[in-house]
Protein backbone atom coordinates (compact mmCIF):
# COMPACT_ATOMS: atom_id res chain seq x y z
CA ILE A 1 0.00 0.00 0.00
CA ALA A 2 1.51 3.31 -1.12
CA ALA A 3 -1.13 5.75 0.11
CA GLU A 4 -4.52 6.00 1.77
CA GLY A 5 -6.89 8.93 2.04
CA GLY A 6 -10.47 10.10 2.22
CA VAL A 7 -12.06 11.31 -1.02
CA ALA A 8 -15.61 11.86 0.27
CA ALA A 9 -17.76 11.24 3.32
CA GLY A 10 -17.53 7.54 4.10
CA VAL A 11 -15.28 6.84 1.10
CA ARG A 12 -11.59 5.88 1.41
CA ARG A 13 -9.10 5.51 -1.43
CA ILE A 14 -6.21 3.07 -1.16
CA GLU A 15 -3.35 3.24 -3.66
CA ALA A 16 -1.11 0.20 -4.07
CA VAL A 17 1.77 -0.90 -6.26
CA THR A 18 2.67 -4.46 -7.30
CA GLY A 19 5.43 -6.38 -9.03
CA LEU A 20 8.42 -4.35 -10.24
CA GLY A 21 6.52 -1.18 -9.42
CA ALA A 22 6.50 -2.23 -5.76
CA LEU A 23 10.26 -2.81 -5.87
CA ASP A 24 10.85 0.63 -7.41
CA TRP A 25 8.60 2.20 -4.81
CA LEU A 26 10.45 0.52 -1.91
CA GLN A 27 13.81 1.67 -3.32
CA HIS A 28 12.45 5.21 -3.61
CA VAL A 29 11.24 5.10 0.01
CA ARG A 30 14.65 3.84 1.17
CA ARG A 31 16.50 6.58 -0.75
CA SER A 32 14.16 9.21 0.69
CA ARG A 33 14.76 7.91 4.22
CA GLU A 34 18.53 7.98 3.68
CA ASP A 35 18.31 11.55 2.38
CA ILE A 36 16.32 12.58 5.46
CA LEU A 37 18.84 10.95 7.81
CA ASP A 38 21.65 12.69 5.93
CA VAL A 39 19.99 16.10 6.31
CA LEU A 40 19.25 15.48 10.01
CA LYS A 41 22.79 14.10 10.53
CA VAL A 42 21.53 11.29 12.77
CA GLY A 43 21.23 7.51 12.63
CA LYS A 44 17.92 5.83 11.83
CA ASN A 45 17.21 5.16 15.52
CA GLN A 46 17.44 8.87 16.40
CA ALA A 47 15.42 10.28 13.48
CA ILE A 48 12.03 10.47 15.22
CA GLU A 49 13.53 12.04 18.34
CA MET A 50 15.33 14.64 16.21
CA ILE A 51 12.18 15.51 14.23
CA GLU A 52 10.18 15.92 17.46
CA ARG A 53 12.92 18.18 18.86
CA LEU A 54 12.93 20.29 15.69
CA GLN A 55 9.13 20.62 15.82
CA ALA A 56 9.29 21.74 19.46
CA ASP A 57 12.03 24.26 18.62
CA THR A 58 9.98 25.63 15.72
CA LYS A 59 6.92 26.14 17.95
CA ARG A 60 9.04 27.79 20.66
CA LEU A 61 10.71 30.15 18.19
CA ALA A 62 7.34 31.07 16.67
CA ARG A 63 6.01 31.94 20.15
CA GLU A 64 9.12 34.00 20.94
CA ALA A 65 8.86 35.83 17.60
CA ALA A 66 5.20 36.67 18.27
CA GLN A 67 6.07 37.95 21.75
CA MET A 68 8.93 40.04 20.37
CA LYS A 69 6.71 41.55 17.67
CA ALA A 70 4.09 42.42 20.27
CA LYS A 71 6.75 43.98 22.52
CA LEU A 72 8.11 46.05 19.62
CA ALA A 73 4.56 47.15 18.78
CA MET A 74 4.21 48.30 22.40
CA GLY A 75 7.27 50.48 21.87
CA GLY A 76 9.87 48.21 23.41
CA GLY A 77 7.99 47.73 26.65
CA GLU A 78 9.76 50.24 28.88
CA ASN A 79 9.52 53.69 27.29
CA ARG A 80 5.93 53.28 26.11
CA SER A 81 4.40 50.88 28.60
CA THR A 82 1.38 53.20 28.85
CA PRO A 83 -0.17 53.83 25.44
CA GLU A 84 -1.35 57.24 24.30
CA THR A 85 -5.06 57.49 24.93
CA ILE A 86 -7.92 59.88 24.36
CA GLU A 87 -11.23 60.27 26.18
CA VAL A 88 -14.43 59.69 24.23
CA ALA A 89 -17.54 60.63 26.23
CA GLY A 90 -15.83 59.44 29.41
CA VAL A 91 -14.45 56.23 27.87
CA ARG A 92 -10.70 55.85 27.46
CA LEU A 93 -9.62 54.84 23.93
CA ALA A 94 -6.19 53.51 22.93
CA ARG A 95 -5.45 53.18 19.21
CA ARG A 96 -2.43 51.57 17.61
CA LYS A 97 -1.29 51.02 14.03
CA VAL A 98 1.25 48.20 13.61
CA GLU A 99 2.93 46.35 10.76
CA GLY A 100 2.92 42.64 10.02
CA LEU A 101 1.64 41.18 13.30
CA ASP A 102 -0.17 37.85 13.08
CA LYS A 103 -3.41 37.13 14.95
CA ASP A 104 -1.71 35.72 18.05
CA ALA A 105 0.60 38.72 18.34
CA LEU A 106 -2.33 41.11 17.85
CA ARG A 107 -4.31 39.40 20.60
CA SER A 108 -1.30 39.55 22.91
CA LEU A 109 -0.80 43.24 22.14
CA ALA A 110 -4.51 43.94 22.74
CA ASP A 111 -4.30 42.23 26.14
CA SER A 112 -1.21 44.29 27.04
CA LEU A 113 -2.81 47.58 26.01
CA LYS A 114 -6.03 46.71 27.82
CA ALA A 115 -4.06 46.03 31.01
CA SER A 116 -2.21 49.34 30.55
CA ILE A 117 -5.30 51.51 30.22
CA LYS A 118 -7.17 49.52 32.91
CA SER A 119 -10.56 50.74 31.69
CA GLY A 120 -11.68 51.50 28.15
CA VAL A 121 -11.40 50.41 24.55
CA VAL A 122 -8.39 49.24 22.52
CA VAL A 123 -8.40 49.38 18.70
CA ILE A 124 -5.44 47.91 16.81
CA ALA A 125 -4.99 47.65 13.05
CA SER A 126 -2.16 45.70 11.42
CA ALA A 127 -1.13 45.95 7.77
CA GLY A 128 0.69 43.16 5.97
CA GLU A 129 0.76 41.52 2.53
CA GLY A 130 -1.91 43.85 1.19
CA LYS A 131 -4.38 42.98 3.94
CA VAL A 132 -5.61 44.48 7.19
CA GLN A 133 -6.25 42.72 10.48
CA ILE A 134 -8.27 44.57 13.10
CA VAL A 135 -8.62 43.75 16.79
CA VAL A 136 -10.92 45.55 19.23
CA ALA A 137 -10.75 44.77 22.95
CA VAL A 138 -12.97 46.28 25.64
CA THR A 139 -12.48 46.06 29.41
CA PRO A 140 -15.30 44.34 31.35
CA ASP A 141 -16.52 47.55 33.04
CA VAL A 142 -17.13 49.18 29.64
CA ALA A 143 -18.30 46.16 27.60
CA GLY A 144 -21.88 46.56 28.83
CA ARG A 145 -22.12 49.98 27.17
CA VAL A 146 -19.72 49.67 24.24
CA LYS A 147 -19.40 46.26 22.63
CA ALA A 148 -16.27 45.28 20.71
CA GLY A 149 -18.28 43.46 18.04
CA GLN A 150 -20.35 46.58 17.34
CA ILE A 151 -17.25 48.78 17.05
CA VAL A 152 -15.74 46.35 14.53
CA LYS A 153 -18.93 46.40 12.45
CA GLU A 154 -18.81 50.21 12.40
CA ILE A 155 -15.17 50.67 11.41
CA ALA A 156 -14.16 47.56 9.40
CA PRO A 157 -16.02 48.65 6.22
CA LEU A 158 -13.64 51.65 6.02
CA VAL A 159 -10.86 49.25 4.98
CA GLY A 160 -13.11 47.07 2.83
CA GLY A 161 -13.61 44.55 5.58
CA ALA A 162 -16.07 42.90 7.93
CA GLY A 163 -15.98 41.02 11.19
CA GLY A 164 -17.55 40.53 14.57
CA GLY A 165 -17.08 39.02 17.98
CA ARG A 166 -17.98 39.17 21.64
CA PRO A 167 -18.76 42.27 23.73
CA ASP A 168 -15.20 42.24 25.12
CA PHE A 169 -13.25 41.12 22.03
CA ALA A 170 -13.75 41.22 18.27
CA GLU A 171 -11.71 40.74 15.10
CA ALA A 172 -12.07 41.71 11.47
CA GLY A 173 -10.16 41.58 8.20
CA GLY A 174 -9.88 44.09 5.41
CA LYS A 175 -8.39 44.61 1.94
CA GLN A 176 -7.34 48.29 1.98
CA PRO A 177 -4.31 48.84 4.24
CA GLU A 178 -3.86 52.35 2.83
CA LYS A 179 -7.04 53.34 4.73
CA ILE A 180 -5.95 52.19 8.19
CA ASP A 181 -5.50 55.80 9.36
CA ASP A 182 -9.11 56.51 8.37
CA LEU A 183 -10.26 53.46 10.32
CA LEU A 184 -8.42 54.52 13.48
CA ALA A 185 -9.65 58.09 13.10
CA ALA A 186 -13.24 56.81 12.93
CA ALA A 187 -13.04 54.84 16.20
CA PRO A 188 -14.04 57.77 18.49
CA ALA A 189 -17.16 58.52 16.44
CA ALA A 190 -18.11 54.83 16.48
CA ILE A 191 -17.81 54.74 20.27
CA GLU A 192 -19.87 57.93 20.66
CA LYS A 193 -22.54 56.53 18.36
CA LEU A 194 -22.81 53.37 20.45
CA LEU A 195 -22.82 55.26 23.74
CA HIS A 196 -25.58 57.61 22.66
CA GLY A 197 -27.56 55.04 20.66
CA ARG A 198 -27.49 57.01 17.42
């Protein structure tokens, strides 16, 4: 048996080779295994352990990279630990434009900014590869009056996007990174609209 896979619900496909084809296939598998061992620079008994170690290292490095990106977006952590904020009808608003952060890094940054302002709304927009990712986070004391999902629905269309979420956290995507400044500038009006029910 050379391969097995699902092609539809309740249907499996099994591919097999026979005769000389089976011999060729086995030789190909052996050569591939030898190439892998050569690249890993280990014996055949250590290959699985090495692959598992490499996978663990890759995950760890990805986490560290996300944390570093979030720290850089915060301004290095020390000099800008408290973000610049404005007051909108008594609600504190922190806005941040960043470059190239993935979803995990954006969520981490939103949590950090939310902890910094203690009470209020955080709006973050990230541009990368011609797309926009938006995160809105709201502290629990404000989420009853201003819901993150509603803010996202108000501002995401400004960058050609849409999204939604919970009262305390929402995400959206967009296609017009050149309009991120317009999106961030519109956040105060969106909050006022929700506060006053307009």
